[in-house]
Amino acid sequence: MPFETDIVSEEEIRREKNKARNLRKTHWWNNKFQTGVCHYCHRQVGREELTMDHVVPLSRGGKSKKGNIVPACKECNNKKKYLLPIEWEEYLQALEKQF
């Protein structure tokens, strides 16, 4: 394994998910969400196609705070899953090499 990660407890993840739910109700999130643009692919997909994504996933130690939450289209969010930003970049670069 290239690195070891700390095990994040279910309780910690539950706590962070509750924080994320509260952030969804804020003016800050509404402004980010209103544009309808995915943080990752930069496509205009519309509000109804956006989800809240943790840049550093909760399962990898990420927190539900403004600097770690972005709007993402469902497609990017599903592909990214639990990847860290550097792993996501490597994934995108590998895709570019295929085409």
C-alpha atoms as a PDB file:
ATOM      1  CA  MET A   1       0.000   0.000   0.000  1.00  0.00           C
ATOM      2  CA  PRO A   2       1.366   3.442  -0.877  1.00  0.00           C
ATOM      3  CA  PHE A   3      -0.002   4.987   2.326  1.00  0.00           C
ATOM      4  CA  GLU A   4      -1.929   4.086   5.421  1.00  0.00           C
ATOM      5  CA  THR A   5      -5.163   5.806   6.328  1.00  0.00           C
ATOM      6  CA  ASP A   6      -6.700   6.144   9.715  1.00  0.00           C
ATOM      7  CA  ILE A   7      -9.863   4.204  10.249  1.00  0.00           C
ATOM      8  CA  VAL A   8     -12.783   6.595  10.549  1.00  0.00           C
ATOM      9  CA  SER A   9     -15.499   5.401  12.900  1.00  0.00           C
ATOM     10  CA  GLU A  10     -19.126   5.146  11.865  1.00  0.00           C
ATOM     11  CA  GLU A  11     -19.957   7.659  14.596  1.00  0.00           C
ATOM     12  CA  GLU A  12     -17.543  10.224  13.116  1.00  0.00           C
ATOM     13  CA  ILE A  13     -19.015   9.710   9.654  1.00  0.00           C
ATOM     14  CA  ARG A  14     -22.559  10.063  11.019  1.00  0.00           C
ATOM     15  CA  ARG A  15     -21.581  13.304  12.772  1.00  0.00           C
ATOM     16  CA  GLU A  16     -20.032  14.733   9.596  1.00  0.00           C
ATOM     17  CA  LYS A  17     -23.061  13.749   7.494  1.00  0.00           C
ATOM     18  CA  ASN A  18     -25.277  15.668   9.921  1.00  0.00           C
ATOM     19  CA  LYS A  19     -23.012  18.704   9.553  1.00  0.00           C
ATOM     20  CA  ALA A  20     -23.313  18.396   5.752  1.00  0.00           C
ATOM     21  CA  ARG A  21     -27.115  18.270   5.990  1.00  0.00           C
ATOM     22  CA  ASN A  22     -27.020  21.494   7.989  1.00  0.00           C
ATOM     23  CA  LEU A  23     -24.706  23.138   5.435  1.00  0.00           C
ATOM     24  CA  ARG A  24     -27.209  22.289   2.675  1.00  0.00           C
ATOM     25  CA  LYS A  25     -29.633  24.703   4.330  1.00  0.00           C
ATOM     26  CA  THR A  26     -27.262  27.677   4.248  1.00  0.00           C
ATOM     27  CA  HIS A  27     -27.090  30.656   1.940  1.00  0.00           C
ATOM     28  CA  TRP A  28     -23.456  29.689   1.197  1.00  0.00           C
ATOM     29  CA  TRP A  29     -24.482  26.306  -0.257  1.00  0.00           C
ATOM     30  CA  ASN A  30     -27.396  27.791  -2.171  1.00  0.00           C
ATOM     31  CA  ASN A  31     -24.991  30.204  -3.892  1.00  0.00           C
ATOM     32  CA  LYS A  32     -22.584  27.390  -4.856  1.00  0.00           C
ATOM     33  CA  PHE A  33     -25.431  25.168  -5.999  1.00  0.00           C
ATOM     34  CA  GLN A  34     -27.360  27.831  -7.898  1.00  0.00           C
ATOM     35  CA  THR A  35     -24.945  27.990 -10.823  1.00  0.00           C
ATOM     36  CA  GLY A  36     -25.723  24.381 -11.799  1.00  0.00           C
ATOM     37  CA  VAL A  37     -22.045  23.793 -12.668  1.00  0.00           C
ATOM     38  CA  CYS A  38     -20.117  20.678 -11.613  1.00  0.00           C
ATOM     39  CA  HIS A  39     -16.910  21.411  -9.704  1.00  0.00           C
ATOM     40  CA  TYR A  40     -15.073  18.540 -11.424  1.00  0.00           C
ATOM     41  CA  CYS A  41     -16.119  18.484 -15.112  1.00  0.00           C
ATOM     42  CA  HIS A  42     -17.275  22.139 -15.237  1.00  0.00           C
ATOM     43  CA  ARG A  43     -20.378  21.170 -17.235  1.00  0.00           C
ATOM     44  CA  GLN A  44     -23.587  23.135 -16.816  1.00  0.00           C
ATOM     45  CA  VAL A  45     -25.939  20.344 -15.674  1.00  0.00           C
ATOM     46  CA  GLY A  46     -28.578  22.278 -13.733  1.00  0.00           C
ATOM     47  CA  ARG A  47     -29.361  22.294 -10.033  1.00  0.00           C
ATOM     48  CA  GLU A  48     -31.416  19.112 -10.093  1.00  0.00           C
ATOM     49  CA  GLU A  49     -28.439  17.131 -11.416  1.00  0.00           C
ATOM     50  CA  LEU A  50     -25.971  18.353  -8.765  1.00  0.00           C
ATOM     51  CA  THR A  51     -25.055  16.607  -5.538  1.00  0.00           C
ATOM     52  CA  MET A  52     -22.965  17.631  -2.556  1.00  0.00           C
ATOM     53  CA  ASP A  53     -19.512  16.056  -2.675  1.00  0.00           C
ATOM     54  CA  HIS A  54     -16.752  15.965  -0.082  1.00  0.00           C
ATOM     55  CA  VAL A  55     -13.460  16.645  -1.889  1.00  0.00           C
ATOM     56  CA  VAL A  56     -11.682  14.574   0.764  1.00  0.00           C
ATOM     57  CA  PRO A  57     -14.254  11.832   1.434  1.00  0.00           C
ATOM     58  CA  LEU A  58     -15.578  11.288   4.946  1.00  0.00           C
ATOM     59  CA  SER A  59     -14.334   7.706   4.839  1.00  0.00           C
ATOM     60  CA  ARG A  60     -10.822   9.051   4.228  1.00  0.00           C
ATOM     61  CA  GLY A  61     -10.925  11.556   7.088  1.00  0.00           C
ATOM     62  CA  GLY A  62     -12.566  14.506   5.315  1.00  0.00           C
ATOM     63  CA  LYS A  63     -14.791  16.927   7.214  1.00  0.00           C
ATOM     64  CA  SER A  64     -18.080  18.616   6.419  1.00  0.00           C
ATOM     65  CA  LYS A  65     -16.836  22.167   6.173  1.00  0.00           C
ATOM     66  CA  LYS A  66     -16.988  24.806   3.476  1.00  0.00           C
ATOM     67  CA  GLY A  67     -13.492  24.174   2.140  1.00  0.00           C
ATOM     68  CA  ASN A  68     -14.191  20.479   1.599  1.00  0.00           C
ATOM     69  CA  ILE A  69     -17.663  20.515   0.049  1.00  0.00           C
ATOM     70  CA  VAL A  70     -18.401  21.206  -3.613  1.00  0.00           C
ATOM     71  CA  PRO A  71     -21.324  20.744  -6.011  1.00  0.00           C
ATOM     72  CA  ALA A  72     -20.729  17.795  -8.343  1.00  0.00           C
ATOM     73  CA  CYS A  73     -22.806  16.227 -11.085  1.00  0.00           C
ATOM     74  CA  LYS A  74     -24.080  12.772 -10.259  1.00  0.00           C
ATOM     75  CA  GLU A  75     -21.809  11.220 -12.886  1.00  0.00           C
ATOM     76  CA  CYS A  76     -18.604  12.718 -11.450  1.00  0.00           C
ATOM     77  CA  ASN A  77     -19.674  12.051  -7.862  1.00  0.00           C
ATOM     78  CA  ASN A  78     -20.347   8.377  -8.664  1.00  0.00           C
ATOM     79  CA  LYS A  79     -17.010   7.994 -10.469  1.00  0.00           C
ATOM     80  CA  LYS A  80     -15.004   9.798  -7.793  1.00  0.00           C
ATOM     81  CA  LYS A  81     -16.444   7.740  -4.919  1.00  0.00           C
ATOM     82  CA  TYR A  82     -13.845   7.676  -2.115  1.00  0.00           C
ATOM     83  CA  LEU A  83     -10.859   8.987  -4.089  1.00  0.00           C
ATOM     84  CA  LEU A  84      -8.621  11.703  -2.704  1.00  0.00           C
ATOM     85  CA  PRO A  85      -7.992  14.735  -4.954  1.00  0.00           C
ATOM     86  CA  ILE A  86      -4.598  13.432  -6.112  1.00  0.00           C
ATOM     87  CA  GLU A  87      -6.110  10.018  -6.911  1.00  0.00           C
ATOM     88  CA  TRP A  88      -8.953  11.688  -8.835  1.00  0.00           C
ATOM     89  CA  GLU A  89      -6.425  13.703 -10.873  1.00  0.00           C
ATOM     90  CA  GLU A  90      -4.484  10.520 -11.663  1.00  0.00           C
ATOM     91  CA  TYR A  91      -7.730   8.862 -12.760  1.00  0.00           C
ATOM     92  CA  LEU A  92      -8.561  11.776 -15.086  1.00  0.00           C
ATOM     93  CA  GLN A  93      -5.047  11.769 -16.546  1.00  0.00           C
ATOM     94  CA  ALA A  94      -5.309   8.029 -17.227  1.00  0.00           C
ATOM     95  CA  LEU A  95      -8.601   8.632 -19.068  1.00  0.00           C
ATOM     96  CA  GLU A  96      -7.011  11.346 -21.209  1.00  0.00           C
ATOM     97  CA  LYS A  97      -4.202   8.992 -22.225  1.00  0.00           C
ATOM     98  CA  GLN A  98      -6.760   6.434 -23.408  1.00  0.00           C
ATOM     99  CA  PHE A  99      -8.264   8.943 -25.834  1.00  0.00           C
END
